[in-house]
């Protein structure tokens, strides 16, 4: 499963990746606005950490999603517990 994470803490990027690997997910993480956000592709799951991201970045990410099958999950907190709960709910 491919997961794209928008927002979150820059210092937690490695931890987010490790957690996604435990759930057998390949993760792309974008903690801040960059040109790489245009290469988001077609993830199976898009996680938006709304507390640590701008409205402009959310809008850009949603516009870049190519697949209509992408599940979009919004979370106010960008904690590991929050991401773990999202992955448990949306991965099998």
N, C-alpha and C. Protein backbone atom coordinates (compact mmCIF):
# COMPACT_ATOMS: atom_id res chain seq x y z
N UNK A 1 0.85 -1.18 0.00
CA UNK A 1 0.00 0.00 0.00
C UNK A 1 0.89 1.23 0.00
N UNK A 2 0.54 2.22 -0.80
CA UNK A 2 1.28 3.48 -0.87
C UNK A 2 0.56 4.52 -0.03
N UNK A 3 1.34 5.20 0.82
CA UNK A 3 0.79 6.20 1.72
C UNK A 3 1.53 7.52 1.48
N UNK A 4 0.80 8.61 1.40
CA UNK A 4 1.39 9.94 1.33
C UNK A 4 0.97 10.69 2.59
N UNK A 5 1.95 11.26 3.26
CA UNK A 5 1.68 12.01 4.49
C UNK A 5 2.02 13.47 4.23
N UNK A 6 1.04 14.33 4.43
CA UNK A 6 1.21 15.76 4.22
C UNK A 6 1.19 16.44 5.58
N UNK A 7 2.26 17.19 5.87
CA UNK A 7 2.36 17.87 7.15
C UNK A 7 3.14 17.04 8.14
N UNK A 8 2.95 17.30 9.40
CA UNK A 8 3.69 16.60 10.44
C UNK A 8 4.94 17.37 10.82
N UNK A 9 5.73 16.79 11.69
CA UNK A 9 6.95 17.42 12.16
C UNK A 9 8.14 16.92 11.35
N UNK A 10 9.00 17.84 10.94
CA UNK A 10 10.17 17.47 10.14
C UNK A 10 11.07 16.49 10.89
N UNK A 11 11.18 16.65 12.18
CA UNK A 11 12.07 15.78 12.96
C UNK A 11 11.50 14.37 13.12
N UNK A 12 10.25 14.17 12.75
CA UNK A 12 9.60 12.87 12.90
C UNK A 12 9.52 12.08 11.59
N UNK A 13 10.08 12.58 10.50
CA UNK A 13 9.96 11.94 9.19
C UNK A 13 10.46 10.50 9.24
N UNK A 14 11.62 10.27 9.83
CA UNK A 14 12.17 8.90 9.92
C UNK A 14 11.26 8.00 10.74
N UNK A 15 10.69 8.52 11.80
CA UNK A 15 9.79 7.73 12.65
C UNK A 15 8.51 7.38 11.89
N UNK A 16 7.98 8.35 11.13
CA UNK A 16 6.79 8.08 10.32
C UNK A 16 7.07 6.95 9.32
N UNK A 17 8.24 7.02 8.67
CA UNK A 17 8.60 5.98 7.68
C UNK A 17 8.72 4.61 8.34
N UNK A 18 9.37 4.55 9.50
CA UNK A 18 9.53 3.28 10.20
C UNK A 18 8.18 2.68 10.58
N UNK A 19 7.28 3.52 11.05
CA UNK A 19 5.95 3.04 11.43
C UNK A 19 5.19 2.53 10.20
N UNK A 20 5.29 3.24 9.10
CA UNK A 20 4.62 2.80 7.87
C UNK A 20 5.19 1.46 7.40
N UNK A 21 6.50 1.27 7.53
CA UNK A 21 7.12 0.00 7.13
C UNK A 21 6.60 -1.16 7.97
N UNK A 22 6.33 -0.91 9.25
CA UNK A 22 5.78 -1.96 10.11
C UNK A 22 4.41 -2.42 9.62
N UNK A 23 3.68 -1.53 8.98
CA UNK A 23 2.36 -1.86 8.44
C UNK A 23 2.44 -2.23 6.95
N UNK A 24 3.66 -2.49 6.48
CA UNK A 24 3.91 -2.89 5.09
C UNK A 24 3.40 -1.84 4.10
N UNK A 25 3.68 -0.59 4.41
CA UNK A 25 3.29 0.52 3.54
C UNK A 25 4.55 1.26 3.08
N UNK A 26 4.49 1.71 1.83
CA UNK A 26 5.56 2.54 1.29
C UNK A 26 5.10 3.99 1.44
N UNK A 27 5.88 4.80 2.14
CA UNK A 27 5.44 6.16 2.47
C UNK A 27 6.26 7.23 1.77
N UNK A 28 5.54 8.26 1.33
CA UNK A 28 6.14 9.51 0.87
C UNK A 28 5.67 10.54 1.88
N UNK A 29 6.62 11.28 2.44
CA UNK A 29 6.28 12.23 3.50
C UNK A 29 6.70 13.64 3.09
N UNK A 30 5.76 14.56 3.20
CA UNK A 30 5.99 15.95 2.83
C UNK A 30 5.68 16.84 4.04
N UNK A 31 6.67 17.09 4.91
CA UNK A 31 6.39 17.89 6.10
C UNK A 31 6.24 19.39 5.82
N UNK A 32 6.75 19.84 4.67
CA UNK A 32 6.60 21.26 4.33
C UNK A 32 6.42 21.40 2.83
N UNK A 33 6.00 22.57 2.40
CA UNK A 33 5.72 22.84 0.99
C UNK A 33 7.00 22.83 0.18
N UNK A 34 7.05 21.95 -0.82
CA UNK A 34 8.17 21.89 -1.76
C UNK A 34 7.64 21.60 -3.15
N UNK A 35 8.50 21.71 -4.15
CA UNK A 35 8.10 21.36 -5.51
C UNK A 35 7.89 19.87 -5.67
N UNK A 36 8.46 19.06 -4.78
CA UNK A 36 8.29 17.61 -4.83
C UNK A 36 6.85 17.19 -4.59
N UNK A 37 6.08 18.06 -4.01
CA UNK A 37 4.66 17.76 -3.73
C UNK A 37 3.91 17.49 -5.04
N UNK A 38 4.43 18.01 -6.14
CA UNK A 38 3.79 17.76 -7.43
C UNK A 38 4.02 16.33 -7.91
N UNK A 39 4.92 15.59 -7.27
CA UNK A 39 5.20 14.20 -7.63
C UNK A 39 4.50 13.22 -6.69
N UNK A 40 3.40 13.62 -6.13
CA UNK A 40 2.71 12.79 -5.15
C UNK A 40 2.14 11.51 -5.77
N UNK A 41 1.78 11.57 -7.04
CA UNK A 41 1.31 10.37 -7.74
C UNK A 41 -0.08 9.94 -7.33
N UNK A 42 -0.25 8.62 -7.20
CA UNK A 42 -1.56 8.03 -6.86
C UNK A 42 -1.45 7.16 -5.62
N UNK A 43 -1.38 7.75 -4.44
CA UNK A 43 -1.28 6.92 -3.23
C UNK A 43 -2.63 6.24 -2.93
N UNK A 44 -2.56 5.15 -2.21
CA UNK A 44 -3.78 4.47 -1.78
C UNK A 44 -4.42 5.20 -0.60
N UNK A 45 -3.56 5.87 0.20
CA UNK A 45 -4.03 6.58 1.39
C UNK A 45 -3.30 7.91 1.49
N UNK A 46 -4.04 8.99 1.66
CA UNK A 46 -3.47 10.31 1.85
C UNK A 46 -3.80 10.75 3.27
N UNK A 47 -2.76 11.00 4.07
CA UNK A 47 -2.93 11.44 5.45
C UNK A 47 -2.59 12.92 5.52
N UNK A 48 -3.53 13.73 5.97
CA UNK A 48 -3.32 15.16 6.12
C UNK A 48 -3.27 15.51 7.60
N UNK A 49 -2.10 15.93 8.08
CA UNK A 49 -1.97 16.40 9.45
C UNK A 49 -2.31 17.89 9.45
N UNK A 50 -3.55 18.21 9.72
CA UNK A 50 -4.08 19.55 9.49
C UNK A 50 -3.54 20.62 10.44
N UNK A 51 -3.03 20.24 11.59
CA UNK A 51 -2.53 21.23 12.54
C UNK A 51 -1.18 21.80 12.12
N UNK A 52 -0.41 21.04 11.35
CA UNK A 52 0.95 21.47 11.01
C UNK A 52 1.14 21.77 9.53
N UNK A 53 0.05 22.06 8.83
CA UNK A 53 0.14 22.30 7.40
C UNK A 53 -0.76 23.47 7.01
N UNK A 54 -0.35 24.20 5.98
CA UNK A 54 -1.13 25.35 5.54
C UNK A 54 -2.29 24.91 4.65
N UNK A 55 -3.27 25.79 4.54
CA UNK A 55 -4.41 25.52 3.67
C UNK A 55 -3.94 25.38 2.22
N UNK A 56 -2.96 26.20 1.84
CA UNK A 56 -2.43 26.15 0.48
C UNK A 56 -1.81 24.79 0.18
N UNK A 57 -1.08 24.24 1.13
CA UNK A 57 -0.44 22.95 0.93
C UNK A 57 -1.48 21.83 0.83
N UNK A 58 -2.51 21.88 1.63
CA UNK A 58 -3.59 20.88 1.56
C UNK A 58 -4.27 20.95 0.19
N UNK A 59 -4.57 22.15 -0.25
CA UNK A 59 -5.22 22.33 -1.55
C UNK A 59 -4.34 21.80 -2.68
N UNK A 60 -3.05 22.09 -2.61
CA UNK A 60 -2.10 21.63 -3.63
C UNK A 60 -2.04 20.10 -3.65
N UNK A 61 -1.97 19.48 -2.48
CA UNK A 61 -1.91 18.02 -2.38
C UNK A 61 -3.16 17.38 -2.95
N UNK A 62 -4.31 17.93 -2.61
CA UNK A 62 -5.57 17.37 -3.10
C UNK A 62 -5.70 17.52 -4.62
N UNK A 63 -5.15 18.60 -5.17
CA UNK A 63 -5.19 18.81 -6.61
C UNK A 63 -4.24 17.86 -7.35
N UNK A 64 -3.18 17.43 -6.69
CA UNK A 64 -2.17 16.59 -7.33
C UNK A 64 -2.52 15.11 -7.33
N UNK A 65 -3.49 14.70 -6.56
CA UNK A 65 -3.85 13.29 -6.50
C UNK A 65 -4.44 12.87 -7.84
N UNK A 66 -3.85 11.84 -8.42
CA UNK A 66 -4.27 11.38 -9.74
C UNK A 66 -5.42 10.37 -9.67
N UNK A 67 -5.46 9.60 -8.61
CA UNK A 67 -6.42 8.50 -8.50
C UNK A 67 -7.66 8.93 -7.75
N UNK A 68 -8.80 8.49 -8.21
CA UNK A 68 -10.05 8.73 -7.51
C UNK A 68 -10.24 7.73 -6.37
N UNK A 69 -9.42 6.68 -6.35
CA UNK A 69 -9.56 5.63 -5.34
C UNK A 69 -8.83 5.96 -4.04
N UNK A 70 -8.14 7.07 -3.99
CA UNK A 70 -7.35 7.43 -2.82
C UNK A 70 -8.25 7.75 -1.64
N UNK A 71 -7.98 7.09 -0.51
CA UNK A 71 -8.68 7.40 0.74
C UNK A 71 -7.99 8.61 1.36
N UNK A 72 -8.76 9.59 1.79
CA UNK A 72 -8.20 10.79 2.40
C UNK A 72 -8.60 10.82 3.87
N UNK A 73 -7.58 10.92 4.73
CA UNK A 73 -7.81 10.96 6.18
C UNK A 73 -7.19 12.24 6.72
N UNK A 74 -7.98 12.98 7.46
CA UNK A 74 -7.50 14.22 8.09
C UNK A 74 -7.37 13.99 9.58
N UNK A 75 -6.24 14.41 10.11
CA UNK A 75 -6.00 14.27 11.54
C UNK A 75 -5.47 15.60 12.07
N UNK A 76 -6.04 16.05 13.17
CA UNK A 76 -5.61 17.33 13.74
C UNK A 76 -4.22 17.21 14.37
N UNK A 77 -3.92 16.06 14.93
CA UNK A 77 -2.60 15.88 15.56
C UNK A 77 -1.68 15.10 14.64
N UNK A 78 -0.39 15.36 14.78
CA UNK A 78 0.61 14.68 13.95
C UNK A 78 1.46 13.73 14.79
N UNK A 79 0.87 13.15 15.80
CA UNK A 79 1.61 12.26 16.69
C UNK A 79 1.74 10.85 16.11
N UNK A 80 2.66 10.08 16.66
CA UNK A 80 2.84 8.69 16.23
C UNK A 80 1.59 7.88 16.55
N UNK A 81 0.96 8.16 17.68
CA UNK A 81 -0.25 7.43 18.06
C UNK A 81 -1.37 7.69 17.05
N UNK A 82 -1.47 8.91 16.60
CA UNK A 82 -2.48 9.26 15.61
C UNK A 82 -2.23 8.52 14.30
N UNK A 83 -0.98 8.52 13.84
CA UNK A 83 -0.64 7.82 12.60
C UNK A 83 -0.85 6.32 12.75
N UNK A 84 -0.48 5.77 13.90
CA UNK A 84 -0.68 4.34 14.16
C UNK A 84 -2.18 3.98 14.07
N UNK A 85 -3.01 4.79 14.66
CA UNK A 85 -4.46 4.56 14.60
C UNK A 85 -4.99 4.61 13.17
N UNK A 86 -4.50 5.55 12.40
CA UNK A 86 -4.93 5.67 11.00
C UNK A 86 -4.50 4.45 10.21
N UNK A 87 -3.25 4.02 10.40
CA UNK A 87 -2.75 2.85 9.67
C UNK A 87 -3.48 1.58 10.08
N UNK A 88 -3.77 1.43 11.36
CA UNK A 88 -4.50 0.25 11.82
C UNK A 88 -5.89 0.20 11.20
N UNK A 89 -6.51 1.34 11.08
CA UNK A 89 -7.88 1.40 10.53
C UNK A 89 -7.93 1.17 9.03
N UNK A 90 -6.92 1.67 8.30
CA UNK A 90 -7.00 1.66 6.85
C UNK A 90 -6.12 0.64 6.14
N UNK A 91 -5.30 -0.11 6.88
CA UNK A 91 -4.50 -1.17 6.25
C UNK A 91 -4.98 -2.51 6.74
N UNK A 92 -4.78 -3.51 5.92
CA UNK A 92 -5.22 -4.86 6.28
C UNK A 92 -4.04 -5.78 6.37
